[in-house]
Structure formats: C-alpha cells, structure tokens
Amino acid sequence: MITPALTGFSTAAAFILAIGPQNTFVLRQGLARSHVFWLCLFCALSDAILITAGVAGFGFIVQMFPALPVVMTWGGAAFLVVYGFMRFWAAWKNIYAVEITGQSVGLWAALMTCAAFTWLNPHVYLDTLVLIGAISTEFPLLSQKIAFAVGAILPSFLFFFALGYGARLLAPVMQSARAWRILDIIIGLVMWALAAKLLS
C-alpha cells in the first residue's frame, strides 16, 4: 500500500504547487487573516471530492460531454478577467484600511469567490479528474486505489493550511496600503495571464 500512497502523494503535490487563482486567493485571505480556516478547509475538501471522483473513473464524463471543456474554459477565463479587473480597481482606488485591520468580506462571500476559483477552473478538472484519475489506473486493486486516493488528497490539506496560516508570517510586511496595492497588482496580472493561457 506504500507505493500507491507515495505515487498519489507525489503526483498531487506536483500539481498543487503550481501558482493558480485559488492559491493566490487563499494567500491574500491569509494575509488579511480573513476566514482562513474555512477557506483552507473548503479548498482541501473540494480537491478531495475531485480526486476521489477521478480515481473512481469520473473522468469519462468528458468523453460523454465533449463540449464541457470548452464551456469550462470560457467560463473560467471570464471569471479570471473580472477578478483581475477587481484587483486592479482596488489598487487604483488604494483604499486598504479594512484589508489591513481585519476581515473585509463576509464568510459566504469569501466562500463563493473561492468556489468560483475552484470549480470554474478547467485545470482543476484536468489535474484531478483526468490526470490523477488516469495515473490511478496503474493500481487495479480496490485497496491500492484507496491508498492512492488518500495519498493524493493529503497534499491538498497540507498545502492549503500551510499557505493560509503561513501567510501570517508575511503580515508585518503587509501592514501598509502600499504593500497591499503591490500585491493586488501582482494578483491582477496573474489572473489575466492565466485567463490568456486558458484561451490560448
């Protein structure tokens, strides 16, 4: 059982370390110390659901609905463009008193934004349902598949909670409006770059 678990762990860890909209959102909320636990838990559980579905063979949905990747790509790109614009707008307005001192949005608003970053990102489905699901076929036994899935799910919990709470180490640097402004400009550029990558 060790080999499937290690294979699942290393595979998922390689995918999750890539910079994406979900990661940058969790980082930003971690810096603001805003709903960190619930956002990290949401991201990790979402990955767990998708990975479990991928290992169980759910990736065949793409074959059943060939238009799904196109719909997800355009929907995800549109969301990234809008969110990137929002970050540029925040940087231009330069109003960060709420960001620096405490929670800036409600829990449900934060979770809905996080859900959009998670479930509207086509790369999430490619990584979890398709690629991780395909690699899991190397292990035909049910016990091996379970070990693989557990190994693949573990990096999500480790990564998101480390990212969310580890962001607090940067808190002293982020006590100025200028620092938040720079961060928002960087996030906006990342969002637009990812949208362009999706559409290309």
C-alpha atoms as a PDB file:
ATOM      1  CA  MET A   1       0.000   0.000   0.000  1.00  0.00           C
ATOM      2  CA  ILE A   2       3.002   2.276   0.446  1.00  0.00           C
ATOM      3  CA  THR A   3       3.793   2.505  -3.278  1.00  0.00           C
ATOM      4  CA  PRO A   4       0.279   3.614  -4.370  1.00  0.00           C
ATOM      5  CA  ALA A   5       0.101   6.116  -1.490  1.00  0.00           C
ATOM      6  CA  LEU A   6       3.516   7.618  -2.310  1.00  0.00           C
ATOM      7  CA  THR A   7       2.648   7.758  -6.005  1.00  0.00           C
ATOM      8  CA  GLY A   8      -0.595   9.562  -5.240  1.00  0.00           C
ATOM      9  CA  PHE A   9       1.136  11.962  -2.840  1.00  0.00           C
ATOM     10  CA  SER A  10       3.960  12.902  -5.213  1.00  0.00           C
ATOM     11  CA  THR A  11       1.605  13.267  -8.191  1.00  0.00           C
ATOM     12  CA  ALA A  12      -0.858  15.549  -6.404  1.00  0.00           C
ATOM     13  CA  ALA A  13       1.928  17.564  -4.759  1.00  0.00           C
ATOM     14  CA  ALA A  14       3.458  18.320  -8.164  1.00  0.00           C
ATOM     15  CA  PHE A  15       0.124  19.634  -9.467  1.00  0.00           C
ATOM     16  CA  ILE A  16      -0.886  21.689  -6.444  1.00  0.00           C
ATOM     17  CA  LEU A  17       2.373  23.630  -6.174  1.00  0.00           C
ATOM     18  CA  ALA A  18       1.676  25.420  -9.445  1.00  0.00           C
ATOM     19  CA  ILE A  19       0.609  29.049  -8.995  1.00  0.00           C
ATOM     20  CA  GLY A  20      -3.097  29.430  -9.676  1.00  0.00           C
ATOM     21  CA  PRO A  21      -6.055  31.668  -8.880  1.00  0.00           C
ATOM     22  CA  GLN A  22      -7.178  29.507  -5.983  1.00  0.00           C
ATOM     23  CA  ASN A  23      -3.735  29.630  -4.358  1.00  0.00           C
ATOM     24  CA  THR A  24      -3.379  33.385  -4.726  1.00  0.00           C
ATOM     25  CA  PHE A  25      -6.842  33.933  -3.261  1.00  0.00           C
ATOM     26  CA  VAL A  26      -6.048  31.793  -0.209  1.00  0.00           C
ATOM     27  CA  LEU A  27      -2.743  33.639   0.182  1.00  0.00           C
ATOM     28  CA  ARG A  28      -4.481  37.006   0.067  1.00  0.00           C
ATOM     29  CA  GLN A  29      -7.103  35.950   2.605  1.00  0.00           C
ATOM     30  CA  GLY A  30      -4.372  34.502   4.803  1.00  0.00           C
ATOM     31  CA  LEU A  31      -2.552  37.823   4.782  1.00  0.00           C
ATOM     32  CA  ALA A  32      -5.786  39.568   5.748  1.00  0.00           C
ATOM     33  CA  ARG A  33      -6.450  36.835   8.358  1.00  0.00           C
ATOM     34  CA  SER A  34      -9.932  36.577   6.912  1.00  0.00           C
ATOM     35  CA  HIS A  35     -11.860  33.272   7.263  1.00  0.00           C
ATOM     36  CA  VAL A  36      -8.609  31.322   6.825  1.00  0.00           C
ATOM     37  CA  PHE A  37      -9.697  28.028   8.376  1.00  0.00           C
ATOM     38  CA  TRP A  38     -12.936  27.709   6.411  1.00  0.00           C
ATOM     39  CA  LEU A  39     -11.346  28.684   3.098  1.00  0.00           C
ATOM     40  CA  CYS A  40      -8.470  26.232   3.547  1.00  0.00           C
ATOM     41  CA  LEU A  41     -10.911  23.501   4.535  1.00  0.00           C
ATOM     42  CA  PHE A  42     -13.141  24.275   1.538  1.00  0.00           C
ATOM     43  CA  CYS A  43     -10.221  24.095  -0.910  1.00  0.00           C
ATOM     44  CA  ALA A  44      -8.880  20.875   0.569  1.00  0.00           C
ATOM     45  CA  LEU A  45     -12.303  19.187   0.647  1.00  0.00           C
ATOM     46  CA  SER A  46     -13.006  20.288  -2.938  1.00  0.00           C
ATOM     47  CA  ASP A  47      -9.761  18.669  -4.059  1.00  0.00           C
ATOM     48  CA  ALA A  48     -10.637  15.558  -2.067  1.00  0.00           C
ATOM     49  CA  ILE A  49     -14.004  15.277  -3.834  1.00  0.00           C
ATOM     50  CA  LEU A  50     -12.486  15.757  -7.291  1.00  0.00           C
ATOM     51  CA  ILE A  51      -9.584  13.388  -6.673  1.00  0.00           C
ATOM     52  CA  THR A  52     -11.920  10.707  -5.315  1.00  0.00           C
ATOM     53  CA  ALA A  53     -14.137  11.122  -8.375  1.00  0.00           C
ATOM     54  CA  GLY A  54     -11.109  10.935 -10.681  1.00  0.00           C
ATOM     55  CA  VAL A  55      -9.803   7.759  -9.065  1.00  0.00           C
ATOM     56  CA  ALA A  56     -13.302   6.285  -9.260  1.00  0.00           C
ATOM     57  CA  GLY A  57     -13.318   6.858 -13.022  1.00  0.00           C
ATOM     58  CA  PHE A  58     -15.375  10.033 -13.216  1.00  0.00           C
ATOM     59  CA  GLY A  59     -13.041  11.383 -15.870  1.00  0.00           C
ATOM     60  CA  PHE A  60     -15.150   9.618 -18.502  1.00  0.00           C
ATOM     61  CA  ILE A  61     -17.692  12.459 -18.170  1.00  0.00           C
ATOM     62  CA  VAL A  62     -15.506  14.468 -20.540  1.00  0.00           C
ATOM     63  CA  GLN A  63     -15.919  11.731 -23.135  1.00  0.00           C
ATOM     64  CA  MET A  64     -19.683  11.763 -22.610  1.00  0.00           C
ATOM     65  CA  PHE A  65     -19.905  15.569 -22.860  1.00  0.00           C
ATOM     66  CA  PRO A  66     -17.223  16.745 -25.311  1.00  0.00           C
ATOM     67  CA  ALA A  67     -18.367  20.387 -25.075  1.00  0.00           C
ATOM     68  CA  LEU A  68     -17.738  20.535 -21.319  1.00  0.00           C
ATOM     69  CA  PRO A  69     -14.024  21.552 -21.548  1.00  0.00           C
ATOM     70  CA  VAL A  70     -14.892  24.428 -23.894  1.00  0.00           C
ATOM     71  CA  VAL A  71     -17.669  25.703 -21.616  1.00  0.00           C
ATOM     72  CA  MET A  72     -15.429  25.468 -18.541  1.00  0.00           C
ATOM     73  CA  THR A  73     -12.576  27.218 -20.349  1.00  0.00           C
ATOM     74  CA  TRP A  74     -14.647  30.245 -21.375  1.00  0.00           C
ATOM     75  CA  GLY A  75     -16.422  30.439 -18.037  1.00  0.00           C
ATOM     76  CA  GLY A  76     -13.167  30.187 -16.105  1.00  0.00           C
ATOM     77  CA  ALA A  77     -11.399  32.739 -18.311  1.00  0.00           C
ATOM     78  CA  ALA A  78     -14.260  35.225 -17.938  1.00  0.00           C
ATOM     79  CA  PHE A  79     -14.180  34.897 -14.157  1.00  0.00           C
ATOM     80  CA  LEU A  80     -10.391  35.370 -14.061  1.00  0.00           C
ATOM     81  CA  VAL A  81     -10.621  38.515 -16.203  1.00  0.00           C
ATOM     82  CA  VAL A  82     -13.320  40.011 -13.958  1.00  0.00           C
ATOM     83  CA  TYR A  83     -11.472  39.179 -10.736  1.00  0.00           C
ATOM     84  CA  GLY A  84      -8.222  40.540 -12.175  1.00  0.00           C
ATOM     85  CA  PHE A  85     -10.023  43.778 -13.035  1.00  0.00           C
ATOM     86  CA  MET A  86     -11.359  43.961  -9.470  1.00  0.00           C
ATOM     87  CA  ARG A  87      -7.824  43.711  -8.085  1.00  0.00           C
ATOM     88  CA  PHE A  88      -6.572  46.421 -10.460  1.00  0.00           C
ATOM     89  CA  TRP A  89      -9.533  48.583  -9.444  1.00  0.00           C
ATOM     90  CA  ALA A  90      -8.700  48.075  -5.755  1.00  0.00           C
ATOM     91  CA  ALA A  91      -5.077  49.022  -6.412  1.00  0.00           C
ATOM     92  CA  TRP A  92      -6.158  52.146  -8.309  1.00  0.00           C
ATOM     93  CA  LYS A  93      -8.601  53.240  -5.594  1.00  0.00           C
ATOM     94  CA  ASN A  94      -5.930  52.485  -2.947  1.00  0.00           C
ATOM     95  CA  ILE A  95      -8.381  52.018  -0.075  1.00  0.00           C
ATOM     96  CA  TYR A  96      -6.993  49.308   2.201  1.00  0.00           C
ATOM     97  CA  ALA A  97      -7.902  50.301   5.752  1.00  0.00           C
ATOM     98  CA  VAL A  98     -10.348  47.396   6.116  1.00  0.00           C
ATOM     99  CA  GLU A  99      -7.907  44.935   4.483  1.00  0.00           C
ATOM    100  CA  ILE A 100      -5.125  45.808   6.908  1.00  0.00           C
ATOM    101  CA  THR A 101      -7.173  45.872  10.099  1.00  0.00           C
ATOM    102  CA  GLY A 102      -9.450  42.873   9.675  1.00  0.00           C
ATOM    103  CA  GLN A 103     -11.980  40.923   7.663  1.00  0.00           C
ATOM    104  CA  SER A 104     -13.063  42.708   4.508  1.00  0.00           C
ATOM    105  CA  VAL A 105     -15.847  40.403   3.284  1.00  0.00           C
ATOM    106  CA  GLY A 106     -18.320  38.041   4.878  1.00  0.00           C
ATOM    107  CA  LEU A 107     -17.711  34.315   5.147  1.00  0.00           C
ATOM    108  CA  TRP A 108     -20.257  33.345   2.492  1.00  0.00           C
ATOM    109  CA  ALA A 109     -18.945  35.912   0.027  1.00  0.00           C
ATOM    110  CA  ALA A 110     -15.415  34.624   0.557  1.00  0.00           C
ATOM    111  CA  LEU A 111     -16.540  31.009   0.146  1.00  0.00           C
ATOM    112  CA  MET A 112     -18.472  31.815  -3.041  1.00  0.00           C
ATOM    113  CA  THR A 113     -15.415  33.525  -4.531  1.00  0.00           C
ATOM    114  CA  CYS A 114     -13.252  30.583  -3.515  1.00  0.00           C
ATOM    115  CA  ALA A 115     -15.800  28.177  -5.006  1.00  0.00           C
ATOM    116  CA  ALA A 116     -15.655  30.034  -8.314  1.00  0.00           C
ATOM    117  CA  PHE A 117     -11.857  29.861  -8.349  1.00  0.00           C
ATOM    118  CA  THR A 118     -12.049  26.145  -7.577  1.00  0.00           C
ATOM    119  CA  TRP A 119     -14.947  24.860  -9.659  1.00  0.00           C
ATOM    120  CA  LEU A 120     -14.684  27.208 -12.659  1.00  0.00           C
ATOM    121  CA  ASN A 121     -11.027  26.425 -13.265  1.00  0.00           C
ATOM    122  CA  PRO A 122     -10.685  23.852 -16.080  1.00  0.00           C
ATOM    123  CA  HIS A 123      -7.154  22.996 -14.943  1.00  0.00           C
ATOM    124  CA  VAL A 124      -8.581  21.668 -11.668  1.00  0.00           C
ATOM    125  CA  TYR A 125     -10.585  19.086 -13.589  1.00  0.00           C
ATOM    126  CA  LEU A 126      -7.658  18.253 -15.848  1.00  0.00           C
ATOM    127  CA  ASP A 127      -5.347  17.697 -12.875  1.00  0.00           C
ATOM    128  CA  THR A 128      -7.768  15.792 -10.642  1.00  0.00           C
ATOM    129  CA  LEU A 129     -10.365  14.026 -12.767  1.00  0.00           C
ATOM    130  CA  VAL A 130      -8.250  13.308 -15.835  1.00  0.00           C
ATOM    131  CA  LEU A 131      -4.542  13.149 -14.976  1.00  0.00           C
ATOM    132  CA  ILE A 132      -4.677  11.851 -11.396  1.00  0.00           C
ATOM    133  CA  GLY A 133      -7.554   9.581 -12.404  1.00  0.00           C
ATOM    134  CA  ALA A 134      -5.506   8.211 -15.309  1.00  0.00           C
ATOM    135  CA  ILE A 135      -2.435   7.588 -13.138  1.00  0.00           C
ATOM    136  CA  SER A 136      -4.559   5.750 -10.586  1.00  0.00           C
ATOM    137  CA  THR A 137      -5.334   3.092 -13.207  1.00  0.00           C
ATOM    138  CA  GLU A 138      -1.822   1.743 -12.604  1.00  0.00           C
ATOM    139  CA  PHE A 139      -3.242   0.248  -9.424  1.00  0.00           C
ATOM    140  CA  PRO A 140      -6.123  -2.124 -10.251  1.00  0.00           C
ATOM    141  CA  LEU A 141      -6.937  -3.392  -6.745  1.00  0.00           C
ATOM    142  CA  LEU A 142      -9.523  -1.500  -4.671  1.00  0.00           C
ATOM    143  CA  SER A 143      -7.184  -1.311  -1.671  1.00  0.00           C
ATOM    144  CA  GLN A 144      -4.463   0.154  -3.898  1.00  0.00           C
ATOM    145  CA  LYS A 145      -6.857   2.733  -5.338  1.00  0.00           C
ATOM    146  CA  ILE A 146      -7.918   3.773  -1.838  1.00  0.00           C
ATOM    147  CA  ALA A 147      -4.276   4.139  -0.770  1.00  0.00           C
ATOM    148  CA  PHE A 148      -3.532   6.148  -3.919  1.00  0.00           C
ATOM    149  CA  ALA A 149      -6.520   8.441  -3.336  1.00  0.00           C
ATOM    150  CA  VAL A 150      -5.600   9.048   0.328  1.00  0.00           C
ATOM    151  CA  GLY A 151      -2.026   9.801  -0.691  1.00  0.00           C
ATOM    152  CA  ALA A 152      -3.226  12.206  -3.398  1.00  0.00           C
ATOM    153  CA  ILE A 153      -5.649  14.012  -1.064  1.00  0.00           C
ATOM    154  CA  LEU A 154      -3.119  14.582   1.736  1.00  0.00           C
ATOM    155  CA  PRO A 155      -1.041  17.262  -0.103  1.00  0.00           C
ATOM    156  CA  SER A 156      -4.135  19.438  -0.528  1.00  0.00           C
ATOM    157  CA  PHE A 157      -4.747  19.604   3.232  1.00  0.00           C
ATOM    158  CA  LEU A 158      -1.072  20.182   3.972  1.00  0.00           C
ATOM    159  CA  PHE A 159      -0.624  22.798   1.258  1.00  0.00           C
ATOM    160  CA  PHE A 160      -3.719  24.943   1.767  1.00  0.00           C
ATOM    161  CA  PHE A 161      -3.465  25.115   5.553  1.00  0.00           C
ATOM    162  CA  ALA A 162       0.260  25.850   5.318  1.00  0.00           C
ATOM    163  CA  LEU A 163      -0.439  28.556   2.732  1.00  0.00           C
ATOM    164  CA  GLY A 164      -3.338  30.122   4.605  1.00  0.00           C
ATOM    165  CA  TYR A 165      -1.728  30.206   8.038  1.00  0.00           C
ATOM    166  CA  GLY A 166       1.840  30.568   6.778  1.00  0.00           C
ATOM    167  CA  ALA A 167       0.814  33.802   5.072  1.00  0.00           C
ATOM    168  CA  ARG A 168       0.679  35.355   8.544  1.00  0.00           C
ATOM    169  CA  LEU A 169       4.467  35.278   8.614  1.00  0.00           C
ATOM    170  CA  LEU A 170       4.306  37.987   5.941  1.00  0.00           C
ATOM    171  CA  ALA A 171       1.835  40.044   7.970  1.00  0.00           C
ATOM    172  CA  PRO A 172       4.439  42.528   9.291  1.00  0.00           C
ATOM    173  CA  VAL A 173       5.399  43.336   5.689  1.00  0.00           C
ATOM    174  CA  MET A 174       1.751  43.770   4.701  1.00  0.00           C
ATOM    175  CA  GLN A 175       0.882  46.440   7.276  1.00  0.00           C
ATOM    176  CA  SER A 176       0.980  49.239   4.722  1.00  0.00           C
ATOM    177  CA  ALA A 177      -1.508  50.155   1.998  1.00  0.00           C
ATOM    178  CA  ARG A 178       1.379  50.294  -0.481  1.00  0.00           C
ATOM    179  CA  ALA A 179       2.228  46.623   0.120  1.00  0.00           C
ATOM    180  CA  TRP A 180      -1.413  45.609  -0.443  1.00  0.00           C
ATOM    181  CA  ARG A 181      -1.504  47.707  -3.590  1.00  0.00           C
ATOM    182  CA  ILE A 182       1.562  45.939  -4.997  1.00  0.00           C
ATOM    183  CA  LEU A 183       0.098  42.540  -4.078  1.00  0.00           C
ATOM    184  CA  ASP A 184      -3.188  43.344  -5.815  1.00  0.00           C
ATOM    185  CA  ILE A 185      -1.393  44.451  -8.973  1.00  0.00           C
ATOM    186  CA  ILE A 186       0.594  41.192  -8.995  1.00  0.00           C
ATOM    187  CA  ILE A 187      -2.557  39.125  -8.419  1.00  0.00           C
ATOM    188  CA  GLY A 188      -4.369  41.017 -11.176  1.00  0.00           C
ATOM    189  CA  LEU A 189      -1.531  40.304 -13.601  1.00  0.00           C
ATOM    190  CA  VAL A 190      -1.517  36.618 -12.615  1.00  0.00           C
ATOM    191  CA  MET A 191      -5.293  36.367 -13.122  1.00  0.00           C
ATOM    192  CA  TRP A 192      -5.111  37.925 -16.598  1.00  0.00           C
ATOM    193  CA  ALA A 193      -2.106  35.801 -17.554  1.00  0.00           C
ATOM    194  CA  LEU A 194      -3.970  32.647 -16.519  1.00  0.00           C
ATOM    195  CA  ALA A 195      -7.050  33.760 -18.474  1.00  0.00           C
ATOM    196  CA  ALA A 196      -4.907  34.322 -21.567  1.00  0.00           C
ATOM    197  CA  LYS A 197      -3.322  30.908 -21.086  1.00  0.00           C
ATOM    198  CA  LEU A 198      -6.758  29.276 -20.872  1.00  0.00           C
ATOM    199  CA  LEU A 199      -7.983  30.942 -24.049  1.00  0.00           C
ATOM    200  CA  SER A 200      -4.805  30.102 -25.961  1.00  0.00           C
END
